[in-house]
Amino acid sequence: MILLHDPRPGHGWAGESLPPGLADLVAAVFGPGILDGHLPAFGTRAAWGGEALEETDFLTNPLGGGLLLDRNRFDAAARAAALAAGVRLAEGRAGTISGAEGSWRLALADGAEIAARFVIDSTGRPAAVARQLGAGRAAADRQVAIVAAFADAGDAFRGTSIEAVEQGWWYTTPLPGGRRVLAFLTDADLWQARTRDWAVLLGETRHMARCAGPAALAANPRVSPAETASARLLHGPGWLAAGDAAMTFDPLSSQGIAAAVLMGSRAGAAVADALRDGSAPDLAPWAEDYRTLGAETMDLRTYYARLERRWPDAPFWARRAAQRKA
């Protein structure tokens, strides 16, 4: 088995977290120690549906606490776990794919080539291989995240803080190494039509500017895609999509990493078993469960949107409060 690793810096953003109950599930896939060195999260707080910033303490959660992830550390540990399990690591960027089930040939950007019997596309939102194989993609929105990371001079709360505003919502989270992430989630058309800049919008918040600290006002944010979307085809003869290449979730759900790890592990096990006995993996039940997970997350997003009633006619909230289409 070959793991193709693109060594270029990732295109995601810092501040990812695992909610209570998911750390044990991730450790069950990669083994003990996979989450060593990450910051514990002691709770969340949110101004959602009202002006007060209300705190939820994880100490009362029967599933335990959460974790604030150092994504680079987590990715490196995951690669190390794969190598320890016998996987061979190759570095490069996926290019064109040719062939068919059982005899794929994947060209790399540097001219090298990898032969494979089965291909799992885990290249993130670009879905570099699955798109070539006709997976397509359906998006439920055009959400973007305007994100900045900076030296942490915010308050002492150890967890994620969220504030809903008329055109979206903000969140901030402390990071390992004395840094902090701040993000504003809105729709692409609303951001492109803005008449006020990052610092002005942040200054208009009731809580977020204080939570994030004064360094946030001078930060230089960048825009990243944050839409809820799914591949139209999750798998085909000799291939499947995993992680963000298969499905992306609204960051509000905190489901992205957990879903990628658990559903990816399940698909990988099915493929490995099939290759050992020379059969084709039965991925239909896995794909059905993945679709169910996506639908449930969409329903949860609608539920949370309807809790926020202060701006019922604002485009961001009206779009999400509408009943999800089948």
C-alpha atoms as a PDB file:
ATOM      1  CA  MET A   1       0.000   0.000   0.000  1.00  0.00           C
ATOM      2  CA  ILE A   2       1.308   3.455  -0.927  1.00  0.00           C
ATOM      3  CA  LEU A   3       0.379   6.724   0.767  1.00  0.00           C
ATOM      4  CA  LEU A   4       0.974   9.666  -1.560  1.00  0.00           C
ATOM      5  CA  HIS A   5       1.760  12.712   0.561  1.00  0.00           C
ATOM      6  CA  ASP A   6       1.778  16.215  -0.898  1.00  0.00           C
ATOM      7  CA  PRO A   7       4.434  18.061   1.154  1.00  0.00           C
ATOM      8  CA  ARG A   8       3.151  21.510   0.232  1.00  0.00           C
ATOM      9  CA  PRO A   9       1.444  23.483   3.030  1.00  0.00           C
ATOM     10  CA  GLY A  10      -2.211  22.592   3.381  1.00  0.00           C
ATOM     11  CA  HIS A  11      -5.050  24.827   2.312  1.00  0.00           C
ATOM     12  CA  GLY A  12      -7.173  24.378   5.418  1.00  0.00           C
ATOM     13  CA  TRP A  13      -7.106  26.597   8.470  1.00  0.00           C
ATOM     14  CA  ALA A  14      -6.130  26.244  12.090  1.00  0.00           C
ATOM     15  CA  GLY A  15      -8.557  25.913  14.943  1.00  0.00           C
ATOM     16  CA  GLU A  16     -10.016  22.469  14.340  1.00  0.00           C
ATOM     17  CA  SER A  17     -11.318  20.636  17.361  1.00  0.00           C
ATOM     18  CA  LEU A  18     -12.718  17.334  18.529  1.00  0.00           C
ATOM     19  CA  PRO A  19     -15.893  17.554  20.631  1.00  0.00           C
ATOM     20  CA  PRO A  20     -16.378  15.330  23.678  1.00  0.00           C
ATOM     21  CA  GLY A  21     -16.558  11.604  22.956  1.00  0.00           C
ATOM     22  CA  LEU A  22     -14.622  11.582  19.674  1.00  0.00           C
ATOM     23  CA  ALA A  23     -11.053  11.390  20.968  1.00  0.00           C
ATOM     24  CA  ASP A  24     -11.458   7.717  21.928  1.00  0.00           C
ATOM     25  CA  LEU A  25     -12.932   6.899  18.518  1.00  0.00           C
ATOM     26  CA  VAL A  26     -10.007   8.546  16.690  1.00  0.00           C
ATOM     27  CA  ALA A  27      -7.526   6.768  18.950  1.00  0.00           C
ATOM     28  CA  ALA A  28      -9.234   3.455  18.185  1.00  0.00           C
ATOM     29  CA  VAL A  29      -8.381   3.957  14.499  1.00  0.00           C
ATOM     30  CA  PHE A  30      -4.768   5.167  14.800  1.00  0.00           C
ATOM     31  CA  GLY A  31      -3.753   3.671  18.127  1.00  0.00           C
ATOM     32  CA  PRO A  32      -2.910   5.149  21.530  1.00  0.00           C
ATOM     33  CA  GLY A  33      -0.890   8.337  21.556  1.00  0.00           C
ATOM     34  CA  ILE A  34      -2.293   9.746  18.311  1.00  0.00           C
ATOM     35  CA  LEU A  35      -3.718  12.738  20.187  1.00  0.00           C
ATOM     36  CA  ASP A  36      -0.846  13.352  22.606  1.00  0.00           C
ATOM     37  CA  GLY A  37       0.293  16.956  22.855  1.00  0.00           C
ATOM     38  CA  HIS A  38      -2.939  18.676  21.857  1.00  0.00           C
ATOM     39  CA  LEU A  39      -4.653  21.249  24.045  1.00  0.00           C
ATOM     40  CA  PRO A  40      -7.616  20.107  26.127  1.00  0.00           C
ATOM     41  CA  ALA A  41     -10.828  22.045  25.565  1.00  0.00           C
ATOM     42  CA  PHE A  42     -12.780  22.749  28.718  1.00  0.00           C
ATOM     43  CA  GLY A  43     -15.986  23.965  27.104  1.00  0.00           C
ATOM     44  CA  THR A  44     -17.648  26.142  24.518  1.00  0.00           C
ATOM     45  CA  ARG A  45     -19.458  29.443  24.744  1.00  0.00           C
ATOM     46  CA  ALA A  46     -21.801  31.049  22.283  1.00  0.00           C
ATOM     47  CA  ALA A  47     -23.895  34.138  21.694  1.00  0.00           C
ATOM     48  CA  TRP A  48     -26.460  32.455  19.490  1.00  0.00           C
ATOM     49  CA  GLY A  49     -30.124  33.339  19.443  1.00  0.00           C
ATOM     50  CA  GLY A  50     -29.492  36.114  21.942  1.00  0.00           C
ATOM     51  CA  GLU A  51     -26.909  38.685  22.997  1.00  0.00           C
ATOM     52  CA  ALA A  52     -25.552  36.863  26.077  1.00  0.00           C
ATOM     53  CA  LEU A  53     -22.387  34.773  25.754  1.00  0.00           C
ATOM     54  CA  GLU A  54     -23.475  31.496  27.348  1.00  0.00           C
ATOM     55  CA  GLU A  55     -20.921  28.893  28.418  1.00  0.00           C
ATOM     56  CA  THR A  56     -21.218  25.102  28.284  1.00  0.00           C
ATOM     57  CA  ASP A  57     -18.710  23.411  30.591  1.00  0.00           C
ATOM     58  CA  PHE A  58     -17.393  20.010  29.469  1.00  0.00           C
ATOM     59  CA  LEU A  59     -16.870  18.982  33.112  1.00  0.00           C
ATOM     60  CA  THR A  60     -20.538  18.038  33.222  1.00  0.00           C
ATOM     61  CA  ASN A  61     -20.424  16.116  29.940  1.00  0.00           C
ATOM     62  CA  PRO A  62     -20.520  12.334  30.504  1.00  0.00           C
ATOM     63  CA  LEU A  63     -18.372  11.880  27.374  1.00  0.00           C
ATOM     64  CA  GLY A  64     -15.528  13.901  28.883  1.00  0.00           C
ATOM     65  CA  GLY A  65     -13.656  16.859  27.459  1.00  0.00           C
ATOM     66  CA  GLY A  66     -12.747  17.907  23.966  1.00  0.00           C
ATOM     67  CA  LEU A  67      -9.466  18.737  22.224  1.00  0.00           C
ATOM     68  CA  LEU A  68      -8.116  21.731  20.328  1.00  0.00           C
ATOM     69  CA  LEU A  69      -6.014  20.193  17.569  1.00  0.00           C
ATOM     70  CA  ASP A  70      -2.617  21.174  16.269  1.00  0.00           C
ATOM     71  CA  ARG A  71      -3.418  20.029  12.734  1.00  0.00           C
ATOM     72  CA  ASN A  72       0.199  19.718  11.558  1.00  0.00           C
ATOM     73  CA  ARG A  73       1.037  17.592  14.587  1.00  0.00           C
ATOM     74  CA  PHE A  74      -2.034  15.428  14.067  1.00  0.00           C
ATOM     75  CA  ASP A  75      -1.300  14.876  10.362  1.00  0.00           C
ATOM     76  CA  ALA A  76       2.323  13.935  11.099  1.00  0.00           C
ATOM     77  CA  ALA A  77       1.222  11.467  13.770  1.00  0.00           C
ATOM     78  CA  ALA A  78      -1.321   9.922  11.396  1.00  0.00           C
ATOM     79  CA  ARG A  79       1.358   9.437   8.717  1.00  0.00           C
ATOM     80  CA  ALA A  80       3.663   7.868  11.299  1.00  0.00           C
ATOM     81  CA  ALA A  81       0.914   5.462  12.330  1.00  0.00           C
ATOM     82  CA  ALA A  82       0.405   4.460   8.691  1.00  0.00           C
ATOM     83  CA  LEU A  83       4.126   3.847   8.220  1.00  0.00           C
ATOM     84  CA  ALA A  84       4.216   1.755  11.404  1.00  0.00           C
ATOM     85  CA  ALA A  85       1.402  -0.358   9.947  1.00  0.00           C
ATOM     86  CA  GLY A  86       3.477  -1.136   6.849  1.00  0.00           C
ATOM     87  CA  VAL A  87       2.349   1.574   4.434  1.00  0.00           C
ATOM     88  CA  ARG A  88       4.970   2.970   2.037  1.00  0.00           C
ATOM     89  CA  LEU A  89       5.172   6.758   1.857  1.00  0.00           C
ATOM     90  CA  ALA A  90       5.684   8.566  -1.446  1.00  0.00           C
ATOM     91  CA  GLU A  91       5.889  12.336  -1.802  1.00  0.00           C
ATOM     92  CA  GLY A  92       4.375  14.213  -4.699  1.00  0.00           C
ATOM     93  CA  ARG A  93       1.240  15.839  -6.071  1.00  0.00           C
ATOM     94  CA  ALA A  94      -1.398  13.801  -7.867  1.00  0.00           C
ATOM     95  CA  GLY A  95      -1.805  14.549 -11.559  1.00  0.00           C
ATOM     96  CA  THR A  96      -3.784  12.681 -14.196  1.00  0.00           C
ATOM     97  CA  ILE A  97      -5.112   9.188 -13.680  1.00  0.00           C
ATOM     98  CA  SER A  98      -5.560   6.588 -16.406  1.00  0.00           C
ATOM     99  CA  GLY A  99      -6.414   2.923 -16.671  1.00  0.00           C
ATOM    100  CA  ALA A 100      -9.261   1.094 -14.975  1.00  0.00           C
ATOM    101  CA  GLU A 101     -10.118  -0.988 -11.943  1.00  0.00           C
ATOM    102  CA  GLY A 102      -7.189  -3.213 -11.026  1.00  0.00           C
ATOM    103  CA  SER A 103      -4.670  -1.389 -13.228  1.00  0.00           C
ATOM    104  CA  TRP A 104      -4.664   2.321 -12.431  1.00  0.00           C
ATOM    105  CA  ARG A 105      -1.713   4.527 -13.332  1.00  0.00           C
ATOM    106  CA  LEU A 106      -1.465   7.824 -11.470  1.00  0.00           C
ATOM    107  CA  ALA A 107       0.890  10.411 -12.946  1.00  0.00           C
ATOM    108  CA  LEU A 108       2.558  12.788 -10.487  1.00  0.00           C
ATOM    109  CA  ALA A 109       3.345  16.435 -11.094  1.00  0.00           C
ATOM    110  CA  ASP A 110       7.092  15.692 -11.227  1.00  0.00           C
ATOM    111  CA  GLY A 111       6.673  13.117 -14.002  1.00  0.00           C
ATOM    112  CA  ALA A 112       6.819  10.005 -11.823  1.00  0.00           C
ATOM    113  CA  GLU A 113       4.030   7.417 -11.926  1.00  0.00           C
ATOM    114  CA  ILE A 114       2.347   5.114  -9.430  1.00  0.00           C
ATOM    115  CA  ALA A 115       0.568   1.884 -10.376  1.00  0.00           C
ATOM    116  CA  ALA A 116      -2.337   0.772  -8.176  1.00  0.00           C
ATOM    117  CA  ARG A 117      -5.123  -1.788  -8.055  1.00  0.00           C
ATOM    118  CA  PHE A 118      -7.402   0.534  -6.076  1.00  0.00           C
ATOM    119  CA  VAL A 119      -7.266   4.311  -5.524  1.00  0.00           C
ATOM    120  CA  ILE A 120      -8.565   6.199  -2.488  1.00  0.00           C
ATOM    121  CA  ASP A 121      -8.774   9.938  -3.128  1.00  0.00           C
ATOM    122  CA  SER A 122      -8.077  11.882   0.066  1.00  0.00           C
ATOM    123  CA  THR A 123      -6.841  15.073  -1.595  1.00  0.00           C
ATOM    124  CA  GLY A 124      -9.348  17.295   0.215  1.00  0.00           C
ATOM    125  CA  ARG A 125     -11.833  19.676  -1.378  1.00  0.00           C
ATOM    126  CA  PRO A 126     -10.082  19.618  -4.792  1.00  0.00           C
ATOM    127  CA  ALA A 127     -10.816  15.846  -5.069  1.00  0.00           C
ATOM    128  CA  ALA A 128      -7.990  15.720  -7.612  1.00  0.00           C
ATOM    129  CA  VAL A 129      -8.595  12.100  -8.638  1.00  0.00           C
ATOM    130  CA  ALA A 130     -12.318  11.599  -8.008  1.00  0.00           C
ATOM    131  CA  ARG A 131     -13.270  14.566 -10.187  1.00  0.00           C
ATOM    132  CA  GLN A 132     -11.353  13.045 -13.100  1.00  0.00           C
ATOM    133  CA  LEU A 133     -13.333   9.848 -12.602  1.00  0.00           C
ATOM    134  CA  GLY A 134     -16.697  11.614 -12.793  1.00  0.00           C
ATOM    135  CA  ALA A 135     -17.485  12.045  -9.094  1.00  0.00           C
ATOM    136  CA  GLY A 136     -18.787  15.587  -9.539  1.00  0.00           C
ATOM    137  CA  ARG A 137     -19.728  17.746  -6.568  1.00  0.00           C
ATOM    138  CA  ALA A 138     -22.930  19.239  -5.184  1.00  0.00           C
ATOM    139  CA  ALA A 139     -22.751  22.195  -2.792  1.00  0.00           C
ATOM    140  CA  ALA A 140     -25.519  23.222  -0.404  1.00  0.00           C
ATOM    141  CA  ASP A 141     -24.215  26.778   0.018  1.00  0.00           C
ATOM    142  CA  ARG A 142     -21.406  29.164  -0.899  1.00  0.00           C
ATOM    143  CA  GLN A 143     -20.034  29.650   2.591  1.00  0.00           C
ATOM    144  CA  VAL A 144     -16.503  30.967   3.025  1.00  0.00           C
ATOM    145  CA  ALA A 145     -14.301  31.455   6.070  1.00  0.00           C
ATOM    146  CA  ILE A 146     -12.289  34.641   6.448  1.00  0.00           C
ATOM    147  CA  VAL A 147      -9.525  33.414   8.733  1.00  0.00           C
ATOM    148  CA  ALA A 148      -6.542  34.876  10.577  1.00  0.00           C
ATOM    149  CA  ALA A 149      -4.054  33.368  13.029  1.00  0.00           C
ATOM    150  CA  PHE A 150      -1.927  35.561  15.296  1.00  0.00           C
ATOM    151  CA  ALA A 151      -0.152  35.765  18.646  1.00  0.00           C
ATOM    152  CA  ASP A 152      -2.697  35.106  21.360  1.00  0.00           C
ATOM    153  CA  ALA A 153      -3.596  38.121  23.485  1.00  0.00           C
ATOM    154  CA  GLY A 154      -7.200  37.071  23.964  1.00  0.00           C
ATOM    155  CA  ASP A 155      -9.014  36.103  27.116  1.00  0.00           C
ATOM    156  CA  ALA A 156      -8.203  33.007  29.147  1.00  0.00           C
ATOM    157  CA  PHE A 157     -11.126  30.813  28.089  1.00  0.00           C
ATOM    158  CA  ARG A 158      -9.839  27.396  26.930  1.00  0.00           C
ATOM    159  CA  GLY A 159     -12.309  26.433  24.241  1.00  0.00           C
ATOM    160  CA  THR A 160     -14.186  27.713  21.221  1.00  0.00           C
ATOM    161  CA  SER A 161     -16.148  30.963  21.427  1.00  0.00           C
ATOM    162  CA  ILE A 162     -18.896  31.670  18.870  1.00  0.00           C
ATOM    163  CA  GLU A 163     -20.939  34.770  18.096  1.00  0.00           C
ATOM    164  CA  ALA A 164     -23.738  35.023  15.543  1.00  0.00           C
ATOM    165  CA  VAL A 165     -24.055  38.294  13.624  1.00  0.00           C
ATOM    166  CA  GLU A 166     -26.399  39.511  10.916  1.00  0.00           C
ATOM    167  CA  GLN A 167     -24.350  38.231   7.964  1.00  0.00           C
ATOM    168  CA  GLY A 168     -22.911  35.050   9.496  1.00  0.00           C
ATOM    169  CA  TRP A 169     -20.986  34.039  12.583  1.00  0.00           C
ATOM    170  CA  TRP A 170     -17.566  34.377  14.188  1.00  0.00           C
ATOM    171  CA  TYR A 171     -15.489  31.940  16.176  1.00  0.00           C
ATOM    172  CA  THR A 172     -12.154  32.079  17.960  1.00  0.00           C
ATOM    173  CA  THR A 173     -10.060  29.339  19.506  1.00  0.00           C
ATOM    174  CA  PRO A 174      -6.650  29.352  21.233  1.00  0.00           C
ATOM    175  CA  LEU A 175      -3.982  27.297  19.458  1.00  0.00           C
ATOM    176  CA  PRO A 176      -0.898  25.438  20.643  1.00  0.00           C
ATOM    177  CA  GLY A 177       2.274  27.512  20.730  1.00  0.00           C
ATOM    178  CA  GLY A 178       0.675  30.664  22.098  1.00  0.00           C
ATOM    179  CA  ARG A 179      -1.341  31.523  19.013  1.00  0.00           C
ATOM    180  CA  ARG A 180      -5.034  32.024  18.297  1.00  0.00           C
ATOM    181  CA  VAL A 181      -7.336  31.637  15.312  1.00  0.00           C
ATOM    182  CA  LEU A 182     -10.251  33.924  14.486  1.00  0.00           C
ATOM    183  CA  ALA A 183     -12.695  33.272  11.647  1.00  0.00           C
ATOM    184  CA  PHE A 184     -15.731  34.976  10.185  1.00  0.00           C
ATOM    185  CA  LEU A 185     -18.127  32.623   8.362  1.00  0.00           C
ATOM    186  CA  THR A 186     -20.400  34.141   5.739  1.00  0.00           C
ATOM    187  CA  ASP A 187     -21.501  33.498   2.153  1.00  0.00           C
ATOM    188  CA  ALA A 188     -19.192  34.358  -0.731  1.00  0.00           C
ATOM    189  CA  ASP A 189     -21.598  36.825  -2.314  1.00  0.00           C
ATOM    190  CA  LEU A 190     -22.133  38.619   0.992  1.00  0.00           C
ATOM    191  CA  TRP A 191     -18.396  38.918   1.571  1.00  0.00           C
ATOM    192  CA  GLN A 192     -17.739  40.130  -1.959  1.00  0.00           C
ATOM    193  CA  ALA A 193     -20.440  42.810  -1.601  1.00  0.00           C
ATOM    194  CA  ARG A 194     -19.159  44.100   1.737  1.00  0.00           C
ATOM    195  CA  THR A 195     -18.649  47.810   2.312  1.00  0.00           C
ATOM    196  CA  ARG A 196     -16.739  47.392   5.579  1.00  0.00           C
ATOM    197  CA  ASP A 197     -13.402  45.671   6.181  1.00  0.00           C
ATOM    198  CA  TRP A 198     -12.360  42.958   8.644  1.00  0.00           C
ATOM    199  CA  ALA A 199     -11.422  45.329  11.472  1.00  0.00           C
ATOM    200  CA  VAL A 200     -14.674  47.288  11.212  1.00  0.00           C
ATOM    201  CA  LEU A 201     -16.806  44.131  11.167  1.00  0.00           C
ATOM    202  CA  LEU A 202     -14.909  42.736  14.150  1.00  0.00           C
ATOM    203  CA  GLY A 203     -15.327  46.017  16.005  1.00  0.00           C
ATOM    204  CA  GLU A 204     -19.100  45.762  15.584  1.00  0.00           C
ATOM    205  CA  THR A 205     -19.291  42.442  17.448  1.00  0.00           C
ATOM    206  CA  ARG A 206     -20.528  42.384  21.024  1.00  0.00           C
ATOM    207  CA  HIS A 207     -18.109  39.745  22.335  1.00  0.00           C
ATOM    208  CA  MET A 208     -15.721  38.491  19.671  1.00  0.00           C
ATOM    209  CA  ALA A 209     -13.276  41.404  19.629  1.00  0.00           C
ATOM    210  CA  ARG A 210     -12.787  41.066  23.389  1.00  0.00           C
ATOM    211  CA  CYS A 211     -12.483  37.273  23.273  1.00  0.00           C
ATOM    212  CA  ALA A 212      -9.916  37.330  20.451  1.00  0.00           C
ATOM    213  CA  GLY A 213      -7.870  40.209  21.858  1.00  0.00           C
ATOM    214  CA  PRO A 214      -6.400  43.385  20.359  1.00  0.00           C
ATOM    215  CA  ALA A 215      -4.027  41.598  17.956  1.00  0.00           C
ATOM    216  CA  ALA A 216      -7.039  40.412  15.957  1.00  0.00           C
ATOM    217  CA  LEU A 217      -7.809  43.891  14.666  1.00  0.00           C
ATOM    218  CA  ALA A 218      -4.438  44.163  12.924  1.00  0.00           C
ATOM    219  CA  ALA A 219      -4.409  40.598  11.566  1.00  0.00           C
ATOM    220  CA  ASN A 220      -4.292  39.872   7.827  1.00  0.00           C
ATOM    221  CA  PRO A 221      -7.058  37.337   7.112  1.00  0.00           C
ATOM    222  CA  ARG A 222      -7.393  35.150   4.038  1.00  0.00           C
ATOM    223  CA  VAL A 223     -10.490  33.657   2.472  1.00  0.00           C
ATOM    224  CA  SER A 224     -10.950  29.876   2.378  1.00  0.00           C
ATOM    225  CA  PRO A 225     -13.860  27.784   1.083  1.00  0.00           C
ATOM    226  CA  ALA A 226     -16.116  26.470   3.853  1.00  0.00           C
ATOM    227  CA  GLU A 227     -19.154  25.218   1.971  1.00  0.00           C
ATOM    228  CA  THR A 228     -21.196  22.160   2.870  1.00  0.00           C
ATOM    229  CA  ALA A 229     -20.816  19.840  -0.115  1.00  0.00           C
ATOM    230  CA  SER A 230     -20.641  16.230  -1.235  1.00  0.00           C
ATOM    231  CA  ALA A 231     -19.308  14.272  -4.169  1.00  0.00           C
ATOM    232  CA  ARG A 232     -22.206  13.126  -6.339  1.00  0.00           C
ATOM    233  CA  LEU A 233     -20.472   9.739  -6.551  1.00  0.00           C
ATOM    234  CA  LEU A 234     -18.596   8.561  -3.462  1.00  0.00           C
ATOM    235  CA  HIS A 235     -17.119   5.522  -5.172  1.00  0.00           C
ATOM    236  CA  GLY A 236     -16.854   3.646  -8.448  1.00  0.00           C
ATOM    237  CA  PRO A 237     -15.113   0.563  -9.857  1.00  0.00           C
ATOM    238  CA  GLY A 238     -11.663   0.558  -8.303  1.00  0.00           C
ATOM    239  CA  TRP A 239     -11.854   3.906  -6.485  1.00  0.00           C
ATOM    240  CA  LEU A 240     -13.480   5.883  -3.689  1.00  0.00           C
ATOM    241  CA  ALA A 241     -13.322   9.368  -2.208  1.00  0.00           C
ATOM    242  CA  ALA A 242     -12.600   9.944   1.480  1.00  0.00           C
ATOM    243  CA  GLY A 243     -12.443  12.898   3.838  1.00  0.00           C
ATOM    244  CA  ASP A 244     -13.107  16.307   2.308  1.00  0.00           C
ATOM    245  CA  ALA A 245     -12.851  14.779  -1.162  1.00  0.00           C
ATOM    246  CA  ALA A 246     -16.041  12.888  -0.290  1.00  0.00           C
ATOM    247  CA  MET A 247     -17.926  15.331   1.906  1.00  0.00           C
ATOM    248  CA  THR A 248     -17.371  18.658   3.642  1.00  0.00           C
ATOM    249  CA  PHE A 249     -19.379  19.739   6.666  1.00  0.00           C
ATOM    250  CA  ASP A 250     -20.264  23.150   8.056  1.00  0.00           C
ATOM    251  CA  PRO A 251     -17.507  24.031  10.575  1.00  0.00           C
ATOM    252  CA  LEU A 252     -20.250  24.648  13.137  1.00  0.00           C
ATOM    253  CA  SER A 253     -20.785  20.883  13.344  1.00  0.00           C
ATOM    254  CA  SER A 254     -17.153  20.013  14.278  1.00  0.00           C
ATOM    255  CA  GLN A 255     -17.694  16.814  12.276  1.00  0.00           C
ATOM    256  CA  GLY A 256     -15.038  17.125   9.578  1.00  0.00           C
ATOM    257  CA  ILE A 257     -12.046  15.327  11.098  1.00  0.00           C
ATOM    258  CA  ALA A 258     -14.055  12.715  12.968  1.00  0.00           C
ATOM    259  CA  ALA A 259     -16.119  11.802   9.894  1.00  0.00           C
ATOM    260  CA  ALA A 260     -13.030  11.640   7.691  1.00  0.00           C
ATOM    261  CA  VAL A 261     -11.172   9.395  10.117  1.00  0.00           C
ATOM    262  CA  LEU A 262     -14.007   7.026  10.943  1.00  0.00           C
ATOM    263  CA  MET A 263     -15.576   6.717   7.488  1.00  0.00           C
ATOM    264  CA  GLY A 264     -12.136   6.575   5.877  1.00  0.00           C
ATOM    265  CA  SER A 265     -11.102   3.783   8.230  1.00  0.00           C
ATOM    266  CA  ARG A 266     -14.237   1.817   7.466  1.00  0.00           C
ATOM    267  CA  ALA A 267     -13.777   2.188   3.708  1.00  0.00           C
ATOM    268  CA  GLY A 268     -10.094   1.284   3.924  1.00  0.00           C
ATOM    269  CA  ALA A 269     -10.863  -1.885   5.825  1.00  0.00           C
ATOM    270  CA  ALA A 270     -13.440  -2.932   3.221  1.00  0.00           C
ATOM    271  CA  VAL A 271     -10.975  -2.309   0.379  1.00  0.00           C
ATOM    272  CA  ALA A 272      -8.123  -4.146   2.132  1.00  0.00           C
ATOM    273  CA  ASP A 273     -10.320  -7.193   2.795  1.00  0.00           C
ATOM    274  CA  ALA A 274     -11.477  -7.273  -0.823  1.00  0.00           C
ATOM    275  CA  LEU A 275      -7.967  -6.986  -2.249  1.00  0.00           C
ATOM    276  CA  ARG A 276      -6.787  -9.844  -0.070  1.00  0.00           C
ATOM    277  CA  ASP A 277      -9.401 -12.249  -1.393  1.00  0.00           C
ATOM    278  CA  GLY A 278      -9.503 -10.860  -4.938  1.00  0.00           C
ATOM    279  CA  SER A 279     -13.106  -9.622  -4.796  1.00  0.00           C
ATOM    280  CA  ALA A 280     -14.644  -6.192  -5.349  1.00  0.00           C
ATOM    281  CA  PRO A 281     -15.377  -4.292  -2.119  1.00  0.00           C
ATOM    282  CA  ASP A 282     -19.034  -3.791  -1.261  1.00  0.00           C
ATOM    283  CA  LEU A 283     -19.102  -0.055  -0.614  1.00  0.00           C
ATOM    284  CA  ALA A 284     -22.832   0.532  -1.025  1.00  0.00           C
ATOM    285  CA  PRO A 285     -23.646   0.287   2.719  1.00  0.00           C
ATOM    286  CA  TRP A 286     -20.714   2.601   3.519  1.00  0.00           C
ATOM    287  CA  ALA A 287     -21.870   5.159   0.953  1.00  0.00           C
ATOM    288  CA  GLU A 288     -25.442   5.001   2.245  1.00  0.00           C
ATOM    289  CA  ASP A 289     -24.249   5.657   5.794  1.00  0.00           C
ATOM    290  CA  TYR A 290     -22.078   8.529   4.571  1.00  0.00           C
ATOM    291  CA  ARG A 291     -25.091  10.098   2.843  1.00  0.00           C
ATOM    292  CA  THR A 292     -27.159   9.624   5.991  1.00  0.00           C
ATOM    293  CA  LEU A 293     -24.470  11.373   8.038  1.00  0.00           C
ATOM    294  CA  GLY A 294     -24.469  14.261   5.572  1.00  0.00           C
ATOM    295  CA  ALA A 295     -28.256  14.567   5.668  1.00  0.00           C
ATOM    296  CA  GLU A 296     -28.342  14.508   9.471  1.00  0.00           C
ATOM    297  CA  THR A 297     -25.689  17.211   9.617  1.00  0.00           C
ATOM    298  CA  MET A 298     -27.687  19.353   7.188  1.00  0.00           C
ATOM    299  CA  ASP A 299     -30.788  18.940   9.345  1.00  0.00           C
ATOM    300  CA  LEU A 300     -28.752  19.968  12.391  1.00  0.00           C
ATOM    301  CA  ARG A 301     -27.531  23.058  10.537  1.00  0.00           C
ATOM    302  CA  THR A 302     -31.141  24.018   9.746  1.00  0.00           C
ATOM    303  CA  TYR A 303     -32.063  23.509  13.394  1.00  0.00           C
ATOM    304  CA  TYR A 304     -29.276  25.805  14.609  1.00  0.00           C
ATOM    305  CA  ALA A 305     -30.127  28.424  11.993  1.00  0.00           C
ATOM    306  CA  ARG A 306     -33.723  28.505  13.190  1.00  0.00           C
ATOM    307  CA  LEU A 307     -32.552  29.086  16.760  1.00  0.00           C
ATOM    308  CA  GLU A 308     -31.102  32.406  15.607  1.00  0.00           C
ATOM    309  CA  ARG A 309     -34.205  34.604  15.133  1.00  0.00           C
ATOM    310  CA  ARG A 310     -32.757  38.092  15.431  1.00  0.00           C
ATOM    311  CA  TRP A 311     -32.297  38.569  11.672  1.00  0.00           C
ATOM    312  CA  PRO A 312     -34.945  36.389   9.971  1.00  0.00           C
ATOM    313  CA  ASP A 313     -34.768  38.341   6.700  1.00  0.00           C
ATOM    314  CA  ALA A 314     -30.968  38.537   6.482  1.00  0.00           C
ATOM    315  CA  PRO A 315     -29.832  36.422   3.496  1.00  0.00           C
ATOM    316  CA  PHE A 316     -27.344  34.306   5.458  1.00  0.00           C
ATOM    317  CA  TRP A 317     -29.927  33.155   7.993  1.00  0.00           C
ATOM    318  CA  ALA A 318     -32.902  32.946   5.660  1.00  0.00           C
ATOM    319  CA  ARG A 319     -31.002  30.611   3.329  1.00  0.00           C
ATOM    320  CA  ARG A 320     -30.172  28.215   6.150  1.00  0.00           C
ATOM    321  CA  ALA A 321     -33.487  28.361   7.943  1.00  0.00           C
ATOM    322  CA  ALA A 322     -35.272  27.176   4.791  1.00  0.00           C
ATOM    323  CA  GLN A 323     -36.127  23.487   4.895  1.00  0.00           C
ATOM    324  CA  ARG A 324     -33.375  21.326   3.436  1.00  0.00           C
ATOM    325  CA  LYS A 325     -34.321  19.950   0.025  1.00  0.00           C
ATOM    326  CA  ALA A 326     -34.230  16.191  -0.410  1.00  0.00           C
END
